[in-house]
Amino acid sequence: MVSIIEPCNVTKEILTTGGLSLPQAAKRFPPYRQNRPVAPSTIFRWIRDGVVLPSGERLHLEAVRHSGRWLTSEQALARFISAQTPQLDVDPVPAPRSASARCKEAQRAGRELEERYGI
């Protein structure tokens, strides 16, 4: 019995625009450390292990396995890069308060409760 699986975005992209092997995907990136090119093994690690985002989430490069090799697409690479790029036009996350600031705020809230409710 064969089950029909709905193709994912990257599969559709590979079928319509052509896929990229891992060496081809690696060549899409400029040289990195010590002016050395990105290796196909790095692309595989991005597929298998992903990268950790500042939020703690893990982001994986979308890819499919076909005939014993991995394929990805230009669009998947673009989504992977975009998801790692911070949005600078949104409000920045406020810095966490220091211990003394939290203590002062707790004392102020306690005084307010006493005034309002006589606690």
C-alpha atoms as a PDB file:
ATOM      1  CA  MET A   1       0.000   0.000   0.000  1.00  0.00           C
ATOM      2  CA  VAL A   2       1.432   3.365  -0.991  1.00  0.00           C
ATOM      3  CA  SER A   3       0.468   6.459   0.940  1.00  0.00           C
ATOM      4  CA  ILE A   4       0.389   9.774  -0.834  1.00  0.00           C
ATOM      5  CA  ILE A   5       2.200  12.527   1.042  1.00  0.00           C
ATOM      6  CA  GLU A   6       1.533  16.164   0.310  1.00  0.00           C
ATOM      7  CA  PRO A   7       4.805  17.631  -1.030  1.00  0.00           C
ATOM      8  CA  CYS A   8       6.410  20.279   1.142  1.00  0.00           C
ATOM      9  CA  ASN A   9       7.450  23.701  -0.129  1.00  0.00           C
ATOM     10  CA  VAL A  10      11.037  22.728  -0.827  1.00  0.00           C
ATOM     11  CA  THR A  11       9.929  19.681  -2.828  1.00  0.00           C
ATOM     12  CA  LYS A  12       7.678  21.834  -5.001  1.00  0.00           C
ATOM     13  CA  GLU A  13      10.506  24.343  -5.458  1.00  0.00           C
ATOM     14  CA  ILE A  14      12.948  21.630  -6.485  1.00  0.00           C
ATOM     15  CA  LEU A  15      10.477  20.206  -8.999  1.00  0.00           C
ATOM     16  CA  THR A  16       9.666  23.596 -10.530  1.00  0.00           C
ATOM     17  CA  THR A  17      12.968  25.487 -10.428  1.00  0.00           C
ATOM     18  CA  GLY A  18      15.509  22.703  -9.966  1.00  0.00           C
ATOM     19  CA  GLY A  19      17.285  21.549  -6.860  1.00  0.00           C
ATOM     20  CA  LEU A  20      20.677  22.326  -5.441  1.00  0.00           C
ATOM     21  CA  SER A  21      23.008  19.595  -4.244  1.00  0.00           C
ATOM     22  CA  LEU A  22      24.967  20.337  -1.076  1.00  0.00           C
ATOM     23  CA  PRO A  23      28.133  21.342  -2.980  1.00  0.00           C
ATOM     24  CA  GLN A  24      26.059  23.633  -5.209  1.00  0.00           C
ATOM     25  CA  ALA A  25      24.362  25.189  -2.169  1.00  0.00           C
ATOM     26  CA  ALA A  26      27.738  25.690  -0.464  1.00  0.00           C
ATOM     27  CA  LYS A  27      28.989  27.653  -3.467  1.00  0.00           C
ATOM     28  CA  ARG A  28      26.113  30.135  -3.051  1.00  0.00           C
ATOM     29  CA  PHE A  29      27.755  31.517   0.110  1.00  0.00           C
ATOM     30  CA  PRO A  30      30.786  33.811   0.159  1.00  0.00           C
ATOM     31  CA  PRO A  31      33.981  32.608   1.880  1.00  0.00           C
ATOM     32  CA  TYR A  32      33.755  32.668   5.647  1.00  0.00           C
ATOM     33  CA  ARG A  33      36.492  32.032   8.199  1.00  0.00           C
ATOM     34  CA  GLN A  34      40.034  32.743   7.035  1.00  0.00           C
ATOM     35  CA  ASN A  35      38.596  33.348   3.562  1.00  0.00           C
ATOM     36  CA  ARG A  36      37.813  29.626   3.181  1.00  0.00           C
ATOM     37  CA  PRO A  37      34.702  28.563   1.243  1.00  0.00           C
ATOM     38  CA  VAL A  38      31.682  27.079   2.974  1.00  0.00           C
ATOM     39  CA  ALA A  39      31.941  23.285   2.868  1.00  0.00           C
ATOM     40  CA  PRO A  40      29.114  20.957   1.812  1.00  0.00           C
ATOM     41  CA  SER A  41      29.396  19.363   5.278  1.00  0.00           C
ATOM     42  CA  THR A  42      28.376  22.723   6.760  1.00  0.00           C
ATOM     43  CA  ILE A  43      25.231  22.713   4.624  1.00  0.00           C
ATOM     44  CA  PHE A  44      24.501  19.178   5.837  1.00  0.00           C
ATOM     45  CA  ARG A  45      24.900  20.276   9.475  1.00  0.00           C
ATOM     46  CA  TRP A  46      22.435  23.110   8.839  1.00  0.00           C
ATOM     47  CA  ILE A  47      19.980  20.492   7.554  1.00  0.00           C
ATOM     48  CA  ARG A  48      20.589  17.919  10.299  1.00  0.00           C
ATOM     49  CA  ASP A  49      21.391  20.019  13.387  1.00  0.00           C
ATOM     50  CA  GLY A  50      20.238  23.494  12.393  1.00  0.00           C
ATOM     51  CA  VAL A  51      21.456  26.691  14.010  1.00  0.00           C
ATOM     52  CA  VAL A  52      20.381  28.152  17.334  1.00  0.00           C
ATOM     53  CA  LEU A  53      18.633  31.511  17.100  1.00  0.00           C
ATOM     54  CA  PRO A  54      18.953  34.195  19.813  1.00  0.00           C
ATOM     55  CA  SER A  55      15.480  33.175  21.039  1.00  0.00           C
ATOM     56  CA  GLY A  56      16.795  29.660  21.732  1.00  0.00           C
ATOM     57  CA  GLU A  57      14.827  28.116  18.871  1.00  0.00           C
ATOM     58  CA  ARG A  58      16.608  25.803  16.469  1.00  0.00           C
ATOM     59  CA  LEU A  59      16.324  26.620  12.766  1.00  0.00           C
ATOM     60  CA  HIS A  60      16.971  23.926  10.131  1.00  0.00           C
ATOM     61  CA  LEU A  61      17.688  24.413   6.459  1.00  0.00           C
ATOM     62  CA  GLU A  62      14.839  22.858   4.476  1.00  0.00           C
ATOM     63  CA  ALA A  63      15.955  19.970   2.294  1.00  0.00           C
ATOM     64  CA  VAL A  64      14.744  16.651   0.945  1.00  0.00           C
ATOM     65  CA  ARG A  65      16.478  13.333   0.487  1.00  0.00           C
ATOM     66  CA  HIS A  66      16.277  11.987  -3.056  1.00  0.00           C
ATOM     67  CA  SER A  67      18.085   8.963  -4.489  1.00  0.00           C
ATOM     68  CA  GLY A  68      20.654   8.893  -1.718  1.00  0.00           C
ATOM     69  CA  ARG A  69      21.526  12.572  -1.733  1.00  0.00           C
ATOM     70  CA  TRP A  70      20.228  15.753  -0.155  1.00  0.00           C
ATOM     71  CA  LEU A  71      18.705  18.552  -2.225  1.00  0.00           C
ATOM     72  CA  THR A  72      17.618  22.024  -1.239  1.00  0.00           C
ATOM     73  CA  SER A  73      16.463  25.072  -3.197  1.00  0.00           C
ATOM     74  CA  GLU A  74      17.425  28.706  -3.690  1.00  0.00           C
ATOM     75  CA  GLN A  75      14.196  29.718  -1.943  1.00  0.00           C
ATOM     76  CA  ALA A  76      14.969  27.468   1.053  1.00  0.00           C
ATOM     77  CA  LEU A  77      18.404  29.099   1.348  1.00  0.00           C
ATOM     78  CA  ALA A  78      16.754  32.542   1.222  1.00  0.00           C
ATOM     79  CA  ARG A  79      14.258  31.581   3.966  1.00  0.00           C
ATOM     80  CA  PHE A  80      17.084  30.130   6.083  1.00  0.00           C
ATOM     81  CA  ILE A  81      19.103  33.352   5.823  1.00  0.00           C
ATOM     82  CA  SER A  82      16.082  35.606   6.396  1.00  0.00           C
ATOM     83  CA  ALA A  83      15.005  33.709   9.504  1.00  0.00           C
ATOM     84  CA  GLN A  84      18.422  34.355  11.063  1.00  0.00           C
ATOM     85  CA  THR A  85      18.463  38.065  10.252  1.00  0.00           C
ATOM     86  CA  PRO A  86      17.157  40.290  13.068  1.00  0.00           C
ATOM     87  CA  GLN A  87      14.365  42.699  12.208  1.00  0.00           C
ATOM     88  CA  LEU A  88      15.917  46.056  13.068  1.00  0.00           C
ATOM     89  CA  ASP A  89      12.772  48.069  12.371  1.00  0.00           C
ATOM     90  CA  VAL A  90      10.802  46.538  15.278  1.00  0.00           C
ATOM     91  CA  ASP A  91      10.946  47.688  18.884  1.00  0.00           C
ATOM     92  CA  PRO A  92      13.993  46.270  20.669  1.00  0.00           C
ATOM     93  CA  VAL A  93      13.480  43.957  23.597  1.00  0.00           C
ATOM     94  CA  PRO A  94      13.930  45.921  26.830  1.00  0.00           C
ATOM     95  CA  ALA A  95      16.988  45.057  28.871  1.00  0.00           C
ATOM     96  CA  PRO A  96      16.292  42.988  31.994  1.00  0.00           C
ATOM     97  CA  ARG A  97      16.077  44.928  35.222  1.00  0.00           C
ATOM     98  CA  SER A  98      18.892  44.709  37.728  1.00  0.00           C
ATOM     99  CA  ALA A  99      18.393  43.010  41.095  1.00  0.00           C
ATOM    100  CA  SER A 100      18.239  46.343  42.909  1.00  0.00           C
ATOM    101  CA  ALA A 101      15.660  47.701  40.423  1.00  0.00           C
ATOM    102  CA  ARG A 102      13.478  44.586  40.920  1.00  0.00           C
ATOM    103  CA  CYS A 103      13.769  44.972  44.699  1.00  0.00           C
ATOM    104  CA  LYS A 104      12.772  48.652  44.583  1.00  0.00           C
ATOM    105  CA  GLU A 105       9.810  47.831  42.336  1.00  0.00           C
ATOM    106  CA  ALA A 106       8.673  45.071  44.693  1.00  0.00           C
ATOM    107  CA  GLN A 107       8.887  47.434  47.676  1.00  0.00           C
ATOM    108  CA  ARG A 108       6.907  50.093  45.801  1.00  0.00           C
ATOM    109  CA  ALA A 109       4.238  47.533  44.868  1.00  0.00           C
ATOM    110  CA  GLY A 110       4.078  46.375  48.496  1.00  0.00           C
ATOM    111  CA  ARG A 111       3.547  49.961  49.740  1.00  0.00           C
ATOM    112  CA  GLU A 112       0.837  50.465  47.101  1.00  0.00           C
ATOM    113  CA  LEU A 113      -0.970  47.320  48.268  1.00  0.00           C
ATOM    114  CA  GLU A 114      -0.787  48.486  51.876  1.00  0.00           C
ATOM    115  CA  GLU A 115      -2.231  51.882  50.954  1.00  0.00           C
ATOM    116  CA  ARG A 116      -5.059  50.474  48.834  1.00  0.00           C
ATOM    117  CA  TYR A 117      -6.109  47.454  50.856  1.00  0.00           C
ATOM    118  CA  GLY A 118      -4.616  47.994  54.281  1.00  0.00           C
ATOM    119  CA  ILE A 119      -2.597  44.828  54.014  1.00  0.00           C
END
